[in-house]
Amino acid sequence: MTTAPLPDDDSRLLEQACAWLAKLQSGEDSAADRKDLAAWRAAAPAHERAWQRAQAVWQG
């Protein structure tokens, strides 16, 4: 695992992905939230990479 700092944009996207993940894990997400997450992930390859990284961190 690398400890190199993330570029600002990557850090911001990872924070957003973590917020999405926390929302989903809370059990308080709605169908609209899941649709919005899918749209966010599809909006840019960097979003999907951030999502994958957040999931990897969550799973430990």
C-alpha atoms as a PDB file:
ATOM      1  CA  MET A   1       0.000   0.000   0.000  1.00  0.00           C
ATOM      2  CA  THR A   2       1.338   3.407  -0.932  1.00  0.00           C
ATOM      3  CA  THR A   3       1.480   6.273   1.533  1.00  0.00           C
ATOM      4  CA  ALA A   4       2.119   8.943  -1.070  1.00  0.00           C
ATOM      5  CA  PRO A   5      -0.284  11.870  -0.746  1.00  0.00           C
ATOM      6  CA  LEU A   6      -3.095  12.035  -3.239  1.00  0.00           C
ATOM      7  CA  PRO A   7      -3.405  14.983  -5.620  1.00  0.00           C
ATOM      8  CA  ASP A   8      -6.054  17.454  -4.446  1.00  0.00           C
ATOM      9  CA  ASP A   9      -8.632  16.324  -7.008  1.00  0.00           C
ATOM     10  CA  ASP A  10      -8.137  12.671  -6.089  1.00  0.00           C
ATOM     11  CA  SER A  11      -8.507  13.472  -2.385  1.00  0.00           C
ATOM     12  CA  ARG A  12     -11.695  15.414  -3.030  1.00  0.00           C
ATOM     13  CA  LEU A  13     -13.162  12.605  -5.126  1.00  0.00           C
ATOM     14  CA  LEU A  14     -12.189  10.006  -2.547  1.00  0.00           C
ATOM     15  CA  GLU A  15     -13.952  12.068   0.126  1.00  0.00           C
ATOM     16  CA  GLN A  16     -17.061  12.193  -2.057  1.00  0.00           C
ATOM     17  CA  ALA A  17     -16.892   8.442  -2.672  1.00  0.00           C
ATOM     18  CA  CYS A  18     -16.528   7.807   1.058  1.00  0.00           C
ATOM     19  CA  ALA A  19     -19.555   9.988   1.733  1.00  0.00           C
ATOM     20  CA  TRP A  20     -21.566   7.950  -0.778  1.00  0.00           C
ATOM     21  CA  LEU A  21     -20.364   4.723   0.783  1.00  0.00           C
ATOM     22  CA  ALA A  22     -21.254   5.900   4.285  1.00  0.00           C
ATOM     23  CA  LYS A  23     -24.715   6.845   3.062  1.00  0.00           C
ATOM     24  CA  LEU A  24     -25.227   3.388   1.561  1.00  0.00           C
ATOM     25  CA  GLN A  25     -23.897   1.626   4.649  1.00  0.00           C
ATOM     26  CA  SER A  26     -26.151   3.674   6.941  1.00  0.00           C
ATOM     27  CA  GLY A  27     -29.231   1.967   5.582  1.00  0.00           C
ATOM     28  CA  GLU A  28     -30.833   5.368   5.090  1.00  0.00           C
ATOM     29  CA  ASP A  29     -30.265   5.522   1.342  1.00  0.00           C
ATOM     30  CA  SER A  30     -33.145   5.725  -1.082  1.00  0.00           C
ATOM     31  CA  ALA A  31     -33.665   4.584  -4.646  1.00  0.00           C
ATOM     32  CA  ALA A  32     -32.970   8.185  -5.691  1.00  0.00           C
ATOM     33  CA  ASP A  33     -29.674   8.117  -3.766  1.00  0.00           C
ATOM     34  CA  ARG A  34     -28.612   4.925  -5.533  1.00  0.00           C
ATOM     35  CA  LYS A  35     -29.541   6.466  -8.890  1.00  0.00           C
ATOM     36  CA  ASP A  36     -27.550   9.605  -8.059  1.00  0.00           C
ATOM     37  CA  LEU A  37     -24.563   7.482  -7.039  1.00  0.00           C
ATOM     38  CA  ALA A  38     -24.721   5.558 -10.318  1.00  0.00           C
ATOM     39  CA  ALA A  39     -24.783   8.858 -12.215  1.00  0.00           C
ATOM     40  CA  TRP A  40     -21.842  10.196 -10.181  1.00  0.00           C
ATOM     41  CA  ARG A  41     -19.806   7.050 -10.852  1.00  0.00           C
ATOM     42  CA  ALA A  42     -20.597   7.196 -14.578  1.00  0.00           C
ATOM     43  CA  ALA A  43     -19.796  10.902 -14.875  1.00  0.00           C
ATOM     44  CA  ALA A  44     -16.016  10.404 -15.066  1.00  0.00           C
ATOM     45  CA  PRO A  45     -13.477   7.586 -14.889  1.00  0.00           C
ATOM     46  CA  ALA A  46     -11.888   9.331 -11.888  1.00  0.00           C
ATOM     47  CA  HIS A  47     -15.189   9.035 -10.016  1.00  0.00           C
ATOM     48  CA  GLU A  48     -15.292   5.291 -10.605  1.00  0.00           C
ATOM     49  CA  ARG A  49     -11.656   4.934  -9.501  1.00  0.00           C
ATOM     50  CA  ALA A  50     -12.445   6.855  -6.315  1.00  0.00           C
ATOM     51  CA  TRP A  51     -15.466   4.632  -5.703  1.00  0.00           C
ATOM     52  CA  GLN A  52     -13.386   1.490  -6.152  1.00  0.00           C
ATOM     53  CA  ARG A  53     -10.715   2.823  -3.808  1.00  0.00           C
ATOM     54  CA  ALA A  54     -13.284   3.765  -1.146  1.00  0.00           C
ATOM     55  CA  GLN A  55     -14.774   0.277  -1.313  1.00  0.00           C
ATOM     56  CA  ALA A  56     -11.338  -1.319  -1.005  1.00  0.00           C
ATOM     57  CA  VAL A  57     -10.575   0.782   2.073  1.00  0.00           C
ATOM     58  CA  TRP A  58     -13.992  -0.026   3.585  1.00  0.00           C
ATOM     59  CA  GLN A  59     -13.434  -3.755   3.102  1.00  0.00           C
ATOM     60  CA  GLY A  60     -10.033  -3.433   4.749  1.00  0.00           C
END
